[in-house]
Amino acid sequence: MLAAVRSHHEMIDGTGYPDGLRGWEVPDFVRLVTVCDVYGALIERRPYRASMCGQKAYGILQSMAGQLDDDLIRALKPVAVAVGQAS
């Protein structure tokens, strides 16, 4: 769990932080938490912007392919569709 807290800003292309991990250096659990964190940040209202519908947020995740785990992005699609319908 601590690894996910510390490393949830790592990207599999090596552009993340704090360690600039690349590819399989990013543990599976961290990859999962990162995809969920990005998606959650997009669909939640922020002081500087309104919340985003699930499908639009999913489109942004898709554009981050190569930074985020592609398999996990695809696995999130049913959730994004459901959130989009509930919005």
N, C-alpha and C. Protein backbone atom coordinates (compact mmCIF):
# COMPACT_ATOMS: atom_id res chain seq x y z
N MET A 1 0.83 -1.19 0.00
CA MET A 1 0.00 0.00 0.00
C MET A 1 0.87 1.26 0.00
N LEU A 2 1.94 1.26 0.79
CA LEU A 2 2.81 2.43 0.83
C LEU A 2 3.44 2.71 -0.54
N ALA A 3 3.74 1.65 -1.29
CA ALA A 3 4.30 1.84 -2.63
C ALA A 3 3.32 2.61 -3.51
N ALA A 4 2.04 2.31 -3.41
CA ALA A 4 1.03 3.00 -4.21
C ALA A 4 0.92 4.46 -3.80
N VAL A 5 0.96 4.71 -2.51
CA VAL A 5 0.88 6.09 -2.03
C VAL A 5 2.08 6.88 -2.54
N ARG A 6 3.25 6.29 -2.44
CA ARG A 6 4.48 6.98 -2.83
C ARG A 6 4.59 7.13 -4.35
N SER A 7 4.13 6.16 -5.10
CA SER A 7 4.46 6.09 -6.52
C SER A 7 3.29 6.29 -7.47
N HIS A 8 2.14 6.75 -6.99
CA HIS A 8 0.97 6.82 -7.87
C HIS A 8 1.07 7.89 -8.96
N HIS A 9 2.16 8.64 -8.98
CA HIS A 9 2.39 9.58 -10.07
C HIS A 9 3.42 9.06 -11.08
N GLU A 10 3.83 7.81 -10.92
CA GLU A 10 4.75 7.20 -11.89
C GLU A 10 3.97 6.86 -13.16
N MET A 11 4.60 7.04 -14.30
CA MET A 11 4.00 6.71 -15.60
C MET A 11 4.88 5.66 -16.27
N ILE A 12 4.26 4.71 -16.96
CA ILE A 12 5.04 3.60 -17.50
C ILE A 12 6.00 4.03 -18.62
N ASP A 13 5.85 5.25 -19.13
CA ASP A 13 6.80 5.73 -20.13
C ASP A 13 8.00 6.43 -19.49
N GLY A 14 8.03 6.45 -18.15
CA GLY A 14 9.17 7.03 -17.43
C GLY A 14 9.05 8.51 -17.13
N THR A 15 7.92 9.15 -17.51
CA THR A 15 7.78 10.59 -17.31
C THR A 15 7.23 10.96 -15.94
N GLY A 16 6.90 9.97 -15.12
CA GLY A 16 6.30 10.26 -13.81
C GLY A 16 7.34 10.59 -12.76
N TYR A 17 6.85 10.72 -11.54
CA TYR A 17 7.72 11.01 -10.40
C TYR A 17 7.21 10.25 -9.20
N PRO A 18 7.98 10.02 -8.18
CA PRO A 18 9.24 10.65 -7.81
C PRO A 18 10.49 9.98 -8.38
N ASP A 19 10.39 8.76 -8.92
CA ASP A 19 11.59 8.02 -9.30
C ASP A 19 11.78 7.85 -10.80
N GLY A 20 10.82 8.30 -11.60
CA GLY A 20 10.94 8.13 -13.04
C GLY A 20 10.97 6.67 -13.47
N LEU A 21 10.18 5.84 -12.77
CA LEU A 21 10.14 4.42 -13.11
C LEU A 21 9.60 4.24 -14.52
N ARG A 22 9.99 3.15 -15.15
CA ARG A 22 9.62 2.90 -16.55
C ARG A 22 9.16 1.46 -16.70
N GLY A 23 8.12 1.26 -17.52
CA GLY A 23 7.67 -0.09 -17.85
C GLY A 23 7.34 -0.92 -16.62
N TRP A 24 7.89 -2.12 -16.60
CA TRP A 24 7.58 -3.06 -15.53
C TRP A 24 8.23 -2.70 -14.20
N GLU A 25 9.02 -1.62 -14.16
CA GLU A 25 9.52 -1.13 -12.87
C GLU A 25 8.36 -0.59 -12.03
N VAL A 26 7.27 -0.17 -12.70
CA VAL A 26 6.09 0.32 -11.99
C VAL A 26 5.26 -0.91 -11.59
N PRO A 27 5.13 -1.17 -10.29
CA PRO A 27 4.40 -2.36 -9.84
C PRO A 27 2.93 -2.35 -10.30
N ASP A 28 2.38 -3.55 -10.47
CA ASP A 28 1.00 -3.69 -10.95
C ASP A 28 0.00 -2.91 -10.09
N PHE A 29 0.12 -3.01 -8.77
CA PHE A 29 -0.82 -2.32 -7.90
C PHE A 29 -0.72 -0.80 -8.08
N VAL A 30 0.48 -0.30 -8.27
CA VAL A 30 0.68 1.13 -8.51
C VAL A 30 0.03 1.52 -9.83
N ARG A 31 0.16 0.70 -10.85
CA ARG A 31 -0.48 0.97 -12.14
C ARG A 31 -1.99 1.11 -11.99
N LEU A 32 -2.58 0.19 -11.22
CA LEU A 32 -4.03 0.21 -10.99
C LEU A 32 -4.44 1.47 -10.24
N VAL A 33 -3.74 1.78 -9.17
CA VAL A 33 -4.06 2.97 -8.38
C VAL A 33 -3.90 4.23 -9.22
N THR A 34 -2.90 4.28 -10.07
CA THR A 34 -2.67 5.45 -10.91
C THR A 34 -3.82 5.68 -11.88
N VAL A 35 -4.27 4.63 -12.55
CA VAL A 35 -5.40 4.77 -13.48
C VAL A 35 -6.64 5.25 -12.73
N CYS A 36 -6.91 4.66 -11.58
CA CYS A 36 -8.08 5.06 -10.78
C CYS A 36 -7.94 6.49 -10.28
N ASP A 37 -6.74 6.87 -9.88
CA ASP A 37 -6.50 8.23 -9.38
C ASP A 37 -6.74 9.26 -10.48
N VAL A 38 -6.21 9.02 -11.65
CA VAL A 38 -6.40 9.95 -12.77
C VAL A 38 -7.88 10.05 -13.12
N TYR A 39 -8.54 8.91 -13.24
CA TYR A 39 -9.96 8.90 -13.58
C TYR A 39 -10.78 9.63 -12.51
N GLY A 40 -10.52 9.33 -11.25
CA GLY A 40 -11.23 9.99 -10.16
C GLY A 40 -11.03 11.50 -10.17
N ALA A 41 -9.80 11.93 -10.44
CA ALA A 41 -9.51 13.36 -10.49
C ALA A 41 -10.29 14.04 -11.60
N LEU A 42 -10.50 13.33 -12.71
CA LEU A 42 -11.23 13.92 -13.83
C LEU A 42 -12.73 14.01 -13.59
N ILE A 43 -13.31 13.02 -12.93
CA ILE A 43 -14.77 13.03 -12.76
C ILE A 43 -15.22 13.79 -11.51
N GLU A 44 -14.28 14.14 -10.64
CA GLU A 44 -14.64 14.91 -9.44
C GLU A 44 -14.58 16.40 -9.74
N ARG A 45 -15.48 17.14 -9.13
CA ARG A 45 -15.45 18.60 -9.23
C ARG A 45 -14.21 19.11 -8.53
N ARG A 46 -13.57 20.09 -9.12
CA ARG A 46 -12.39 20.72 -8.54
C ARG A 46 -12.68 22.22 -8.41
N PRO A 47 -11.98 22.91 -7.52
CA PRO A 47 -12.24 24.35 -7.37
C PRO A 47 -12.05 25.13 -8.67
N TYR A 48 -11.22 24.63 -9.55
CA TYR A 48 -10.87 25.33 -10.78
C TYR A 48 -11.62 24.82 -12.02
N ARG A 49 -12.49 23.77 -11.84
CA ARG A 49 -13.26 23.28 -12.99
C ARG A 49 -14.41 22.40 -12.51
N ALA A 50 -15.40 22.26 -13.37
CA ALA A 50 -16.55 21.39 -13.08
C ALA A 50 -16.15 19.93 -13.23
N SER A 51 -16.98 19.04 -12.71
CA SER A 51 -16.72 17.62 -12.90
C SER A 51 -16.92 17.26 -14.37
N MET A 52 -16.31 16.19 -14.78
CA MET A 52 -16.36 15.74 -16.16
C MET A 52 -17.19 14.46 -16.22
N CYS A 53 -17.94 14.27 -17.30
CA CYS A 53 -18.70 13.02 -17.42
C CYS A 53 -17.73 11.85 -17.59
N GLY A 54 -18.20 10.68 -17.23
CA GLY A 54 -17.35 9.49 -17.25
C GLY A 54 -16.78 9.17 -18.61
N GLN A 55 -17.58 9.34 -19.65
CA GLN A 55 -17.10 9.00 -20.99
C GLN A 55 -16.04 9.98 -21.48
N LYS A 56 -16.20 11.25 -21.16
CA LYS A 56 -15.18 12.23 -21.55
C LYS A 56 -13.88 11.95 -20.80
N ALA A 57 -14.00 11.65 -19.51
CA ALA A 57 -12.81 11.31 -18.72
C ALA A 57 -12.13 10.07 -19.29
N TYR A 58 -12.93 9.10 -19.72
CA TYR A 58 -12.36 7.89 -20.31
C TYR A 58 -11.59 8.22 -21.59
N GLY A 59 -12.11 9.14 -22.37
CA GLY A 59 -11.40 9.56 -23.58
C GLY A 59 -10.03 10.15 -23.26
N ILE A 60 -9.96 10.89 -22.17
CA ILE A 60 -8.66 11.44 -21.76
C ILE A 60 -7.72 10.31 -21.34
N LEU A 61 -8.25 9.33 -20.59
CA LEU A 61 -7.42 8.18 -20.23
C LEU A 61 -6.89 7.49 -21.49
N GLN A 62 -7.74 7.32 -22.48
CA GLN A 62 -7.30 6.68 -23.72
C GLN A 62 -6.17 7.48 -24.38
N SER A 63 -6.25 8.79 -24.30
CA SER A 63 -5.19 9.62 -24.89
C SER A 63 -3.88 9.51 -24.11
N MET A 64 -3.95 8.95 -22.91
CA MET A 64 -2.75 8.76 -22.09
C MET A 64 -2.16 7.36 -22.26
N ALA A 65 -2.65 6.62 -23.26
CA ALA A 65 -2.08 5.30 -23.55
C ALA A 65 -0.58 5.46 -23.77
N GLY A 66 0.17 4.56 -23.19
CA GLY A 66 1.62 4.66 -23.24
C GLY A 66 2.19 5.27 -21.98
N GLN A 67 1.39 6.11 -21.32
CA GLN A 67 1.76 6.63 -20.00
C GLN A 67 1.13 5.77 -18.92
N LEU A 68 -0.13 5.39 -19.15
CA LEU A 68 -0.88 4.53 -18.23
C LEU A 68 -0.97 3.14 -18.84
N ASP A 69 -1.29 2.16 -18.03
CA ASP A 69 -1.39 0.77 -18.48
C ASP A 69 -2.62 0.61 -19.39
N ASP A 70 -2.38 0.27 -20.65
CA ASP A 70 -3.46 0.16 -21.64
C ASP A 70 -4.50 -0.89 -21.25
N ASP A 71 -4.07 -2.01 -20.70
CA ASP A 71 -5.01 -3.06 -20.30
C ASP A 71 -5.93 -2.57 -19.19
N LEU A 72 -5.39 -1.81 -18.26
CA LEU A 72 -6.21 -1.29 -17.16
C LEU A 72 -7.16 -0.20 -17.65
N ILE A 73 -6.72 0.59 -18.61
CA ILE A 73 -7.62 1.59 -19.20
C ILE A 73 -8.82 0.88 -19.83
N ARG A 74 -8.56 -0.17 -20.61
CA ARG A 74 -9.65 -0.91 -21.24
C ARG A 74 -10.57 -1.55 -20.20
N ALA A 75 -9.99 -2.06 -19.12
CA ALA A 75 -10.79 -2.69 -18.07
C ALA A 75 -11.72 -1.69 -17.38
N LEU A 76 -11.35 -0.42 -17.39
CA LEU A 76 -12.16 0.61 -16.74
C LEU A 76 -13.35 1.06 -17.59
N LYS A 77 -13.37 0.70 -18.86
CA LYS A 77 -14.41 1.22 -19.76
C LYS A 77 -15.83 0.99 -19.26
N PRO A 78 -16.22 -0.21 -18.77
CA PRO A 78 -17.60 -0.37 -18.29
C PRO A 78 -17.95 0.59 -17.15
N VAL A 79 -16.99 0.89 -16.32
CA VAL A 79 -17.22 1.85 -15.23
C VAL A 79 -17.45 3.24 -15.81
N ALA A 80 -16.62 3.62 -16.76
CA ALA A 80 -16.75 4.95 -17.38
C ALA A 80 -18.09 5.10 -18.08
N VAL A 81 -18.53 4.06 -18.76
CA VAL A 81 -19.84 4.11 -19.43
C VAL A 81 -20.95 4.26 -18.40
N ALA A 82 -20.87 3.50 -17.32
CA ALA A 82 -21.90 3.58 -16.26
C ALA A 82 -21.91 4.96 -15.61
N VAL A 83 -20.75 5.52 -15.34
CA VAL A 83 -20.67 6.86 -14.74
C VAL A 83 -21.21 7.88 -15.72
N GLY A 84 -20.92 7.70 -17.00
CA GLY A 84 -21.42 8.61 -18.03
C GLY A 84 -22.94 8.61 -18.09
N GLN A 85 -23.55 7.46 -17.89
CA GLN A 85 -25.01 7.37 -17.92
C GLN A 85 -25.62 7.95 -16.66
N ALA A 86 -24.89 7.90 -15.56
CA ALA A 86 -25.40 8.42 -14.29
C ALA A 86 -25.21 9.92 -14.18
N SER A 87 -24.34 10.49 -15.01
CA SER A 87 -24.05 11.93 -14.92
C SER A 87 -25.21 12.76 -15.41
